[in-house]
Amino acid sequence: MDQIVMVAVTSAHRGESFQACEFVMDYLKTQAPFWKKEQ
């Protein structure tokens, strides 16, 4: 339940913001150099 990530995007219209936010999250999930270990 701890917050782990926030992506916020601003634009003139919602379509660009929705798409860009999803683009950034898709990148973070696959390309950002983080290593996660679960207990």
PDB file of all heavy atoms in Angstrom:
ATOM      1  N   MET A   1       0.800  -1.220   0.000  1.00  0.00           N
ATOM      2  CA  MET A   1       0.000   0.000   0.000  1.00  0.00           C
ATOM      3  C   MET A   1       0.837   1.276   0.000  1.00  0.00           C
ATOM      4  O   MET A   1       0.292   2.359  -0.155  1.00  0.00           O
ATOM      5  CB  MET A   1      -1.031   0.015   1.137  1.00  0.00           C
ATOM      6  CG  MET A   1      -2.033  -1.123   1.001  1.00  0.00           C
ATOM      7  SD  MET A   1      -3.288  -1.201   2.282  1.00  0.00           S
ATOM      8  CE  MET A   1      -4.140   0.333   2.013  1.00  0.00           C
ATOM      9  N   ASP A   2       2.168   1.181   0.156  1.00  0.00           N
ATOM     10  CA  ASP A   2       3.018   2.367   0.032  1.00  0.00           C
ATOM     11  C   ASP A   2       2.994   2.832  -1.419  1.00  0.00           C
ATOM     12  O   ASP A   2       2.976   2.018  -2.344  1.00  0.00           O
ATOM     13  CB  ASP A   2       4.471   2.060   0.414  1.00  0.00           C
ATOM     14  CG  ASP A   2       4.698   1.980   1.901  1.00  0.00           C
ATOM     15  OD1 ASP A   2       3.796   2.339   2.688  1.00  0.00           O
ATOM     16  OD2 ASP A   2       5.810   1.542   2.290  1.00  0.00           O
ATOM     17  N   GLN A   3       3.022   4.146  -1.607  1.00  0.00           N
ATOM     18  CA  GLN A   3       3.163   4.696  -2.948  1.00  0.00           C
ATOM     19  C   GLN A   3       4.569   4.395  -3.450  1.00  0.00           C
ATOM     20  O   GLN A   3       5.538   4.567  -2.707  1.00  0.00           O
ATOM     21  CB  GLN A   3       2.939   6.205  -2.941  1.00  0.00           C
ATOM     22  CG  GLN A   3       1.550   6.597  -2.515  1.00  0.00           C
ATOM     23  CD  GLN A   3       1.333   8.093  -2.572  1.00  0.00           C
ATOM     24  OE1 GLN A   3       0.387   8.530  -3.177  1.00  0.00           O
ATOM     25  NE2 GLN A   3       2.193   8.888  -1.941  1.00  0.00           N
ATOM     26  N   ILE A   4       4.660   3.976  -4.704  1.00  0.00           N
ATOM     27  CA  ILE A   4       5.967   3.640  -5.262  1.00  0.00           C
ATOM     28  C   ILE A   4       6.345   4.560  -6.413  1.00  0.00           C
ATOM     29  O   ILE A   4       7.517   4.882  -6.599  1.00  0.00           O
ATOM     30  CB  ILE A   4       5.994   2.154  -5.696  1.00  0.00           C
ATOM     31  CG1 ILE A   4       7.388   1.703  -6.072  1.00  0.00           C
ATOM     32  CG2 ILE A   4       5.030   1.881  -6.811  1.00  0.00           C
ATOM     33  CD1 ILE A   4       7.501   0.216  -6.284  1.00  0.00           C
ATOM     34  N   VAL A   5       5.344   5.010  -7.194  1.00  0.00           N
ATOM     35  CA  VAL A   5       5.642   5.816  -8.372  1.00  0.00           C
ATOM     36  C   VAL A   5       4.500   6.795  -8.649  1.00  0.00           C
ATOM     37  O   VAL A   5       3.344   6.492  -8.375  1.00  0.00           O
ATOM     38  CB  VAL A   5       5.891   4.925  -9.613  1.00  0.00           C
ATOM     39  CG1 VAL A   5       4.659   4.117  -9.984  1.00  0.00           C
ATOM     40  CG2 VAL A   5       6.374   5.736 -10.800  1.00  0.00           C
ATOM     41  N   MET A   6       4.866   7.954  -9.175  1.00  0.00           N
ATOM     42  CA  MET A   6       3.888   8.917  -9.665  1.00  0.00           C
ATOM     43  C   MET A   6       4.382   9.453 -10.997  1.00  0.00           C
ATOM     44  O   MET A   6       5.549   9.830 -11.124  1.00  0.00           O
ATOM     45  CB  MET A   6       3.707  10.091  -8.707  1.00  0.00           C
ATOM     46  CG  MET A   6       2.634  11.070  -9.203  1.00  0.00           C
ATOM     47  SD  MET A   6       2.646  12.661  -8.361  1.00  0.00           S
ATOM     48  CE  MET A   6       3.858  13.535  -9.358  1.00  0.00           C
ATOM     49  N   VAL A   7       3.493   9.461 -11.975  1.00  0.00           N
ATOM     50  CA  VAL A   7       3.746  10.106 -13.255  1.00  0.00           C
ATOM     51  C   VAL A   7       2.622  11.100 -13.458  1.00  0.00           C
ATOM     52  O   VAL A   7       1.444  10.728 -13.397  1.00  0.00           O
ATOM     53  CB  VAL A   7       3.778   9.093 -14.424  1.00  0.00           C
ATOM     54  CG1 VAL A   7       3.872   9.822 -15.755  1.00  0.00           C
ATOM     55  CG2 VAL A   7       4.933   8.125 -14.256  1.00  0.00           C
ATOM     56  N   ALA A   8       2.973  12.365 -13.660  1.00  0.00           N
ATOM     57  CA  ALA A   8       1.978  13.402 -13.929  1.00  0.00           C
ATOM     58  C   ALA A   8       2.381  14.139 -15.194  1.00  0.00           C
ATOM     59  O   ALA A   8       3.558  14.448 -15.400  1.00  0.00           O
ATOM     60  CB  ALA A   8       1.886  14.373 -12.758  1.00  0.00           C
ATOM     61  N   VAL A   9       1.388  14.395 -16.046  1.00  0.00           N
ATOM     62  CA  VAL A   9       1.616  15.011 -17.345  1.00  0.00           C
ATOM     63  C   VAL A   9       0.597  16.121 -17.543  1.00  0.00           C
ATOM     64  O   VAL A   9      -0.585  15.931 -17.252  1.00  0.00           O
ATOM     65  CB  VAL A   9       1.473  13.954 -18.468  1.00  0.00           C
ATOM     66  CG1 VAL A   9       1.644  14.588 -19.827  1.00  0.00           C
ATOM     67  CG2 VAL A   9       2.461  12.823 -18.271  1.00  0.00           C
ATOM     68  N   THR A  10       1.054  17.271 -18.045  1.00  0.00           N
ATOM     69  CA  THR A  10       0.138  18.364 -18.371  1.00  0.00           C
ATOM     70  C   THR A  10       0.204  18.667 -19.864  1.00  0.00           C
ATOM     71  O   THR A  10       1.249  18.537 -20.500  1.00  0.00           O
ATOM     72  CB  THR A  10       0.455  19.648 -17.586  1.00  0.00           C
ATOM     73  OG1 THR A  10       1.764  20.103 -17.931  1.00  0.00           O
ATOM     74  CG2 THR A  10       0.357  19.425 -16.083  1.00  0.00           C
ATOM     75  N   SER A  11      -0.952  19.072 -20.385  1.00  0.00           N
ATOM     76  CA  SER A  11      -1.060  19.450 -21.793  1.00  0.00           C
ATOM     77  C   SER A  11      -2.292  20.341 -21.948  1.00  0.00           C
ATOM     78  O   SER A  11      -2.978  20.639 -20.965  1.00  0.00           O
ATOM     79  CB  SER A  11      -1.185  18.210 -22.681  1.00  0.00           C
ATOM     80  OG  SER A  11      -2.413  17.555 -22.436  1.00  0.00           O
ATOM     81  N   ALA A  12      -2.571  20.732 -23.176  1.00  0.00           N
ATOM     82  CA  ALA A  12      -3.754  21.550 -23.433  1.00  0.00           C
ATOM     83  C   ALA A  12      -5.028  20.712 -23.343  1.00  0.00           C
ATOM     84  O   ALA A  12      -6.062  21.202 -22.890  1.00  0.00           O
ATOM     85  CB  ALA A  12      -3.655  22.212 -24.805  1.00  0.00           C
ATOM     86  N   HIS A  13      -4.952  19.444 -23.773  1.00  0.00           N
ATOM     87  CA  HIS A  13      -6.144  18.605 -23.860  1.00  0.00           C
ATOM     88  C   HIS A  13      -5.892  17.226 -23.278  1.00  0.00           C
ATOM     89  O   HIS A  13      -4.760  16.732 -23.271  1.00  0.00           O
ATOM     90  CB  HIS A  13      -6.595  18.486 -25.318  1.00  0.00           C
ATOM     91  CG  HIS A  13      -6.841  19.810 -25.966  1.00  0.00           C
ATOM     92  ND1 HIS A  13      -7.941  20.582 -25.677  1.00  0.00           N
ATOM     93  CD2 HIS A  13      -6.103  20.515 -26.848  1.00  0.00           C
ATOM     94  CE1 HIS A  13      -7.889  21.711 -26.370  1.00  0.00           C
ATOM     95  NE2 HIS A  13      -6.767  21.700 -27.088  1.00  0.00           N
ATOM     96  N   ARG A  14      -6.951  16.572 -22.844  1.00  0.00           N
ATOM     97  CA  ARG A  14      -6.840  15.304 -22.120  1.00  0.00           C
ATOM     98  C   ARG A  14      -6.210  14.177 -22.937  1.00  0.00           C
ATOM     99  O   ARG A  14      -5.489  13.358 -22.388  1.00  0.00           O
ATOM    100  CB  ARG A  14      -8.194  14.875 -21.574  1.00  0.00           C
ATOM    101  CG  ARG A  14      -9.190  14.461 -22.627  1.00  0.00           C
ATOM    102  CD  ARG A  14     -10.532  14.063 -22.006  1.00  0.00           C
ATOM    103  NE  ARG A  14     -11.469  13.655 -23.032  1.00  0.00           N
ATOM    104  CZ  ARG A  14     -12.318  14.471 -23.654  1.00  0.00           C
ATOM    105  NH1 ARG A  14     -12.329  15.751 -23.333  1.00  0.00           N
ATOM    106  NH2 ARG A  14     -13.137  14.012 -24.578  1.00  0.00           N
ATOM    107  N   GLY A  15      -6.489  14.119 -24.234  1.00  0.00           N
ATOM    108  CA  GLY A  15      -5.968  13.020 -25.044  1.00  0.00           C
ATOM    109  C   GLY A  15      -4.460  12.930 -24.987  1.00  0.00           C
ATOM    110  O   GLY A  15      -3.895  11.849 -24.806  1.00  0.00           O
ATOM    111  N   GLU A  16      -3.796  14.055 -25.164  1.00  0.00           N
ATOM    112  CA  GLU A  16      -2.321  14.076 -25.101  1.00  0.00           C
ATOM    113  C   GLU A  16      -1.839  13.664 -23.714  1.00  0.00           C
ATOM    114  O   GLU A  16      -0.871  12.915 -23.584  1.00  0.00           O
ATOM    115  CB  GLU A  16      -1.796  15.474 -25.442  1.00  0.00           C
ATOM    116  CG  GLU A  16      -2.018  15.894 -26.867  1.00  0.00           C
ATOM    117  CD  GLU A  16      -1.038  15.259 -27.839  1.00  0.00           C
ATOM    118  OE1 GLU A  16       0.175  15.219 -27.550  1.00  0.00           O
ATOM    119  OE2 GLU A  16      -1.504  14.813 -28.896  1.00  0.00           O
ATOM    120  N   SER A  17      -2.519  14.164 -22.679  1.00  0.00           N
ATOM    121  CA  SER A  17      -2.103  13.832 -21.311  1.00  0.00           C
ATOM    122  C   SER A  17      -2.265  12.351 -21.014  1.00  0.00           C
ATOM    123  O   SER A  17      -1.372  11.728 -20.438  1.00  0.00           O
ATOM    124  CB  SER A  17      -2.898  14.653 -20.287  1.00  0.00           C
ATOM    125  OG  SER A  17      -2.494  15.984 -20.302  1.00  0.00           O
ATOM    126  N   PHE A  18      -3.417  11.781 -21.380  1.00  0.00           N
ATOM    127  CA  PHE A  18      -3.633  10.351 -21.143  1.00  0.00           C
ATOM    128  C   PHE A  18      -2.580   9.518 -21.861  1.00  0.00           C
ATOM    129  O   PHE A  18      -1.973   8.624 -21.277  1.00  0.00           O
ATOM    130  CB  PHE A  18      -5.023   9.916 -21.629  1.00  0.00           C
ATOM    131  CG  PHE A  18      -6.144  10.241 -20.680  1.00  0.00           C
ATOM    132  CD1 PHE A  18      -7.261  10.912 -21.137  1.00  0.00           C
ATOM    133  CD2 PHE A  18      -6.104   9.860 -19.352  1.00  0.00           C
ATOM    134  CE1 PHE A  18      -8.319  11.203 -20.281  1.00  0.00           C
ATOM    135  CE2 PHE A  18      -7.146  10.152 -18.481  1.00  0.00           C
ATOM    136  CZ  PHE A  18      -8.257  10.828 -18.959  1.00  0.00           C
ATOM    137  N   GLN A  19      -2.375   9.795 -23.145  1.00  0.00           N
ATOM    138  CA  GLN A  19      -1.426   9.008 -23.923  1.00  0.00           C
ATOM    139  C   GLN A  19      -0.005   9.149 -23.382  1.00  0.00           C
ATOM    140  O   GLN A  19       0.723   8.161 -23.261  1.00  0.00           O
ATOM    141  CB  GLN A  19      -1.464   9.420 -25.387  1.00  0.00           C
ATOM    142  CG  GLN A  19      -2.699   8.950 -26.109  1.00  0.00           C
ATOM    143  CD  GLN A  19      -2.644   9.322 -27.580  1.00  0.00           C
ATOM    144  OE1 GLN A  19      -2.093  10.352 -27.952  1.00  0.00           O
ATOM    145  NE2 GLN A  19      -3.194   8.469 -28.416  1.00  0.00           N
ATOM    146  N   ALA A  20       0.401  10.364 -23.089  1.00  0.00           N
ATOM    147  CA  ALA A  20       1.762  10.587 -22.604  1.00  0.00           C
ATOM    148  C   ALA A  20       1.989   9.931 -21.244  1.00  0.00           C
ATOM    149  O   ALA A  20       3.056   9.353 -21.001  1.00  0.00           O
ATOM    150  CB  ALA A  20       2.059  12.081 -22.531  1.00  0.00           C
ATOM    151  N   CYS A  21       0.998   9.989 -20.380  1.00  0.00           N
ATOM    152  CA  CYS A  21       1.130   9.352 -19.064  1.00  0.00           C
ATOM    153  C   CYS A  21       1.300   7.844 -19.227  1.00  0.00           C
ATOM    154  O   CYS A  21       2.163   7.236 -18.591  1.00  0.00           O
ATOM    155  CB  CYS A  21      -0.095   9.687 -18.210  1.00  0.00           C
ATOM    156  SG  CYS A  21       0.101   9.266 -16.479  1.00  0.00           S
ATOM    157  N   GLU A  22       0.522   7.257 -20.102  1.00  0.00           N
ATOM    158  CA  GLU A  22       0.637   5.821 -20.345  1.00  0.00           C
ATOM    159  C   GLU A  22       1.978   5.471 -20.992  1.00  0.00           C
ATOM    160  O   GLU A  22       2.615   4.477 -20.639  1.00  0.00           O
ATOM    161  CB  GLU A  22      -0.525   5.364 -21.233  1.00  0.00           C
ATOM    162  CG  GLU A  22      -0.745   3.891 -21.199  1.00  0.00           C
ATOM    163  CD  GLU A  22      -2.069   3.480 -21.807  1.00  0.00           C
ATOM    164  OE1 GLU A  22      -2.738   4.291 -22.486  1.00  0.00           O
ATOM    165  OE2 GLU A  22      -2.420   2.303 -21.606  1.00  0.00           O
ATOM    166  N   PHE A  23       2.418   6.289 -21.922  1.00  0.00           N
ATOM    167  CA  PHE A  23       3.718   6.098 -22.565  1.00  0.00           C
ATOM    168  C   PHE A  23       4.836   6.094 -21.519  1.00  0.00           C
ATOM    169  O   PHE A  23       5.695   5.207 -21.507  1.00  0.00           O
ATOM    170  CB  PHE A  23       3.946   7.225 -23.586  1.00  0.00           C
ATOM    171  CG  PHE A  23       5.314   7.243 -24.201  1.00  0.00           C
ATOM    172  CD1 PHE A  23       5.632   6.395 -25.245  1.00  0.00           C
ATOM    173  CD2 PHE A  23       6.274   8.136 -23.753  1.00  0.00           C
ATOM    174  CE1 PHE A  23       6.899   6.422 -25.829  1.00  0.00           C
ATOM    175  CE2 PHE A  23       7.538   8.175 -24.322  1.00  0.00           C
ATOM    176  CZ  PHE A  23       7.846   7.310 -25.359  1.00  0.00           C
ATOM    177  N   VAL A  24       4.829   7.071 -20.639  1.00  0.00           N
ATOM    178  CA  VAL A  24       5.867   7.168 -19.609  1.00  0.00           C
ATOM    179  C   VAL A  24       5.813   5.958 -18.679  1.00  0.00           C
ATOM    180  O   VAL A  24       6.847   5.372 -18.348  1.00  0.00           O
ATOM    181  CB  VAL A  24       5.750   8.496 -18.831  1.00  0.00           C
ATOM    182  CG1 VAL A  24       6.696   8.515 -17.641  1.00  0.00           C
ATOM    183  CG2 VAL A  24       6.026   9.679 -19.749  1.00  0.00           C
ATOM    184  N   MET A  25       4.622   5.545 -18.263  1.00  0.00           N
ATOM    185  CA  MET A  25       4.524   4.378 -17.374  1.00  0.00           C
ATOM    186  C   MET A  25       4.989   3.107 -18.076  1.00  0.00           C
ATOM    187  O   MET A  25       5.685   2.283 -17.469  1.00  0.00           O
ATOM    188  CB  MET A  25       3.084   4.198 -16.876  1.00  0.00           C
ATOM    189  CG  MET A  25       2.777   4.972 -15.611  1.00  0.00           C
ATOM    190  SD  MET A  25       3.982   4.734 -14.263  1.00  0.00           S
ATOM    191  CE  MET A  25       4.018   2.964 -14.068  1.00  0.00           C
ATOM    192  N   ASP A  26       4.620   2.941 -19.339  1.00  0.00           N
ATOM    193  CA  ASP A  26       5.076   1.752 -20.069  1.00  0.00           C
ATOM    194  C   ASP A  26       6.597   1.726 -20.141  1.00  0.00           C
ATOM    195  O   ASP A  26       7.224   0.676 -19.999  1.00  0.00           O
ATOM    196  CB  ASP A  26       4.474   1.717 -21.475  1.00  0.00           C
ATOM    197  CG  ASP A  26       2.983   1.398 -21.477  1.00  0.00           C
ATOM    198  OD1 ASP A  26       2.463   0.927 -20.447  1.00  0.00           O
ATOM    199  OD2 ASP A  26       2.338   1.635 -22.517  1.00  0.00           O
ATOM    200  N   TYR A  27       7.199   2.882 -20.338  1.00  0.00           N
ATOM    201  CA  TYR A  27       8.655   2.963 -20.356  1.00  0.00           C
ATOM    202  C   TYR A  27       9.233   2.586 -18.985  1.00  0.00           C
ATOM    203  O   TYR A  27      10.147   1.766 -18.889  1.00  0.00           O
ATOM    204  CB  TYR A  27       9.130   4.367 -20.734  1.00  0.00           C
ATOM    205  CG  TYR A  27      10.624   4.492 -20.625  1.00  0.00           C
ATOM    206  CD1 TYR A  27      11.445   4.197 -21.699  1.00  0.00           C
ATOM    207  CD2 TYR A  27      11.233   4.843 -19.426  1.00  0.00           C
ATOM    208  CE1 TYR A  27      12.826   4.270 -21.589  1.00  0.00           C
ATOM    209  CE2 TYR A  27      12.608   4.904 -19.311  1.00  0.00           C
ATOM    210  CZ  TYR A  27      13.397   4.623 -20.384  1.00  0.00           C
ATOM    211  OH  TYR A  27      14.757   4.674 -20.266  1.00  0.00           O
ATOM    212  N   LEU A  28       8.692   3.197 -17.939  1.00  0.00           N
ATOM    213  CA  LEU A  28       9.219   2.948 -16.585  1.00  0.00           C
ATOM    214  C   LEU A  28       9.171   1.455 -16.232  1.00  0.00           C
ATOM    215  O   LEU A  28      10.102   0.927 -15.623  1.00  0.00           O
ATOM    216  CB  LEU A  28       8.438   3.742 -15.545  1.00  0.00           C
ATOM    217  CG  LEU A  28       8.746   5.222 -15.453  1.00  0.00           C
ATOM    218  CD1 LEU A  28       7.749   5.917 -14.543  1.00  0.00           C
ATOM    219  CD2 LEU A  28      10.162   5.460 -14.967  1.00  0.00           C
ATOM    220  N   LYS A  29       8.078   0.793 -16.597  1.00  0.00           N
ATOM    221  CA  LYS A  29       7.915  -0.613 -16.239  1.00  0.00           C
ATOM    222  C   LYS A  29       8.921  -1.528 -16.935  1.00  0.00           C
ATOM    223  O   LYS A  29       9.205  -2.618 -16.438  1.00  0.00           O
ATOM    224  CB  LYS A  29       6.496  -1.082 -16.585  1.00  0.00           C
ATOM    225  CG  LYS A  29       5.412  -0.529 -15.706  1.00  0.00           C
ATOM    226  CD  LYS A  29       5.432  -1.110 -14.335  1.00  0.00           C
ATOM    227  CE  LYS A  29       4.959  -2.541 -14.331  1.00  0.00           C
ATOM    228  NZ  LYS A  29       4.908  -3.148 -13.017  1.00  0.00           N
ATOM    229  N   THR A  30       9.446  -1.090 -18.072  1.00  0.00           N
ATOM    230  CA  THR A  30      10.293  -1.995 -18.859  1.00  0.00           C
ATOM    231  C   THR A  30      11.728  -1.522 -19.044  1.00  0.00           C
ATOM    232  O   THR A  30      12.623  -2.345 -19.205  1.00  0.00           O
ATOM    233  CB  THR A  30       9.683  -2.214 -20.253  1.00  0.00           C
ATOM    234  OG1 THR A  30       9.544  -0.949 -20.888  1.00  0.00           O
ATOM    235  CG2 THR A  30       8.331  -2.898 -20.176  1.00  0.00           C
ATOM    236  N   GLN A  31      11.947  -0.221 -19.054  1.00  0.00           N
ATOM    237  CA  GLN A  31      13.254   0.303 -19.441  1.00  0.00           C
ATOM    238  C   GLN A  31      14.032   0.985 -18.315  1.00  0.00           C
ATOM    239  O   GLN A  31      15.252   1.095 -18.414  1.00  0.00           O
ATOM    240  CB  GLN A  31      13.085   1.315 -20.579  1.00  0.00           C
ATOM    241  CG  GLN A  31      12.338   0.774 -21.776  1.00  0.00           C
ATOM    242  CD  GLN A  31      13.107  -0.295 -22.517  1.00  0.00           C
ATOM    243  OE1 GLN A  31      14.210  -0.049 -22.978  1.00  0.00           O
ATOM    244  NE2 GLN A  31      12.552  -1.471 -22.610  1.00  0.00           N
ATOM    245  N   ALA A  32      13.355   1.501 -17.333  1.00  0.00           N
ATOM    246  CA  ALA A  32      14.060   2.227 -16.277  1.00  0.00           C
ATOM    247  C   ALA A  32      14.885   1.246 -15.439  1.00  0.00           C
ATOM    248  O   ALA A  32      14.398   0.181 -15.068  1.00  0.00           O
ATOM    249  CB  ALA A  32      13.080   2.993 -15.399  1.00  0.00           C
ATOM    250  N   PRO A  33      16.123   1.615 -15.149  1.00  0.00           N
ATOM    251  CA  PRO A  33      17.005   0.690 -14.415  1.00  0.00           C
ATOM    252  C   PRO A  33      16.723   0.654 -12.911  1.00  0.00           C
ATOM    253  O   PRO A  33      17.360   1.338 -12.118  1.00  0.00           O
ATOM    254  CB  PRO A  33      18.407   1.229 -14.726  1.00  0.00           C
ATOM    255  CG  PRO A  33      18.215   2.667 -15.061  1.00  0.00           C
ATOM    256  CD  PRO A  33      16.837   2.801 -15.623  1.00  0.00           C
ATOM    257  N   PHE A  34      15.713  -0.141 -12.562  1.00  0.00           N
ATOM    258  CA  PHE A  34      15.380  -0.425 -11.162  1.00  0.00           C
ATOM    259  C   PHE A  34      15.423  -1.927 -10.982  1.00  0.00           C
ATOM    260  O   PHE A  34      15.109  -2.684 -11.905  1.00  0.00           O
ATOM    261  CB  PHE A  34      13.955   0.051 -10.808  1.00  0.00           C
ATOM    262  CG  PHE A  34      13.791   1.528 -10.748  1.00  0.00           C
ATOM    263  CD1 PHE A  34      13.202   2.202 -11.801  1.00  0.00           C
ATOM    264  CD2 PHE A  34      14.201   2.255  -9.642  1.00  0.00           C
ATOM    265  CE1 PHE A  34      13.025   3.575 -11.756  1.00  0.00           C
ATOM    266  CE2 PHE A  34      14.041   3.629  -9.592  1.00  0.00           C
ATOM    267  CZ  PHE A  34      13.444   4.291 -10.648  1.00  0.00           C
ATOM    268  N   TRP A  35      15.786  -2.363  -9.793  1.00  0.00           N
ATOM    269  CA  TRP A  35      15.762  -3.773  -9.449  1.00  0.00           C
ATOM    270  C   TRP A  35      14.871  -3.916  -8.236  1.00  0.00           C
ATOM    271  O   TRP A  35      15.049  -3.223  -7.220  1.00  0.00           O
ATOM    272  CB  TRP A  35      17.175  -4.274  -9.178  1.00  0.00           C
ATOM    273  CG  TRP A  35      17.982  -4.226 -10.427  1.00  0.00           C
ATOM    274  CD1 TRP A  35      18.134  -5.228 -11.351  1.00  0.00           C
ATOM    275  CD2 TRP A  35      18.715  -3.105 -10.936  1.00  0.00           C
ATOM    276  NE1 TRP A  35      18.920  -4.790 -12.394  1.00  0.00           N
ATOM    277  CE2 TRP A  35      19.289  -3.490 -12.164  1.00  0.00           C
ATOM    278  CE3 TRP A  35      18.940  -1.801 -10.491  1.00  0.00           C
ATOM    279  CZ2 TRP A  35      20.069  -2.645 -12.931  1.00  0.00           C
ATOM    280  CZ3 TRP A  35      19.711  -0.949 -11.249  1.00  0.00           C
ATOM    281  CH2 TRP A  35      20.273  -1.372 -12.455  1.00  0.00           C
ATOM    282  N   LYS A  36      13.885  -4.841  -8.348  1.00  0.00           N
ATOM    283  CA  LYS A  36      12.883  -5.019  -7.296  1.00  0.00           C
ATOM    284  C   LYS A  36      13.020  -6.404  -6.694  1.00  0.00           C
ATOM    285  O   LYS A  36      13.063  -7.399  -7.407  1.00  0.00           O
ATOM    286  CB  LYS A  36      11.473  -4.854  -7.870  1.00  0.00           C
ATOM    287  CG  LYS A  36      11.232  -3.519  -8.514  1.00  0.00           C
ATOM    288  CD  LYS A  36       9.870  -3.487  -9.190  1.00  0.00           C
ATOM    289  CE  LYS A  36       9.680  -2.183  -9.923  1.00  0.00           C
ATOM    290  NZ  LYS A  36       8.403  -2.146 -10.655  1.00  0.00           N
ATOM    291  N   LYS A  37      13.050  -6.425  -5.364  1.00  0.00           N
ATOM    292  CA  LYS A  37      13.122  -7.694  -4.638  1.00  0.00           C
ATOM    293  C   LYS A  37      11.951  -7.759  -3.661  1.00  0.00           C
ATOM    294  O   LYS A  37      11.768  -6.853  -2.850  1.00  0.00           O
ATOM    295  CB  LYS A  37      14.451  -7.817  -3.903  1.00  0.00           C
ATOM    296  CG  LYS A  37      14.631  -9.135  -3.197  1.00  0.00           C
ATOM    297  CD  LYS A  37      16.037  -9.378  -2.662  1.00  0.00           C
ATOM    298  CE  LYS A  37      16.648  -8.219  -1.985  1.00  0.00           C
ATOM    299  NZ  LYS A  37      17.929  -8.513  -1.330  1.00  0.00           N
ATOM    300  N   GLU A  38      11.155  -8.829  -3.758  1.00  0.00           N
ATOM    301  CA  GLU A  38      10.010  -9.022  -2.874  1.00  0.00           C
ATOM    302  C   GLU A  38      10.361  -9.999  -1.760  1.00  0.00           C
ATOM    303  O   GLU A  38      11.103 -10.952  -1.990  1.00  0.00           O
ATOM    304  CB  GLU A  38       8.822  -9.614  -3.642  1.00  0.00           C
ATOM    305  CG  GLU A  38       8.275  -8.734  -4.708  1.00  0.00           C
ATOM    306  CD  GLU A  38       7.195  -9.426  -5.523  1.00  0.00           C
ATOM    307  OE1 GLU A  38       7.235 -10.670  -5.688  1.00  0.00           O
ATOM    308  OE2 GLU A  38       6.318  -8.704  -6.002  1.00  0.00           O
ATOM    309  N   GLN A  39       9.775  -9.761  -0.600  1.00  0.00           N
ATOM    310  CA  GLN A  39       9.849 -10.718   0.503  1.00  0.00           C
ATOM    311  C   GLN A  39       8.531 -11.468   0.543  1.00  0.00           C
ATOM    312  O   GLN A  39       7.473 -10.869   0.715  1.00  0.00           O
ATOM    313  CB  GLN A  39      10.097 -10.001   1.844  1.00  0.00           C
ATOM    314  CG  GLN A  39      11.481  -9.435   1.995  1.00  0.00           C
ATOM    315  CD  GLN A  39      12.556 -10.519   2.057  1.00  0.00           C
ATOM    316  OE1 GLN A  39      12.312 -11.647   2.484  1.00  0.00           O
ATOM    317  NE2 GLN A  39      13.755 -10.173   1.614  1.00  0.00           N
TER     318      GLN A  39
END
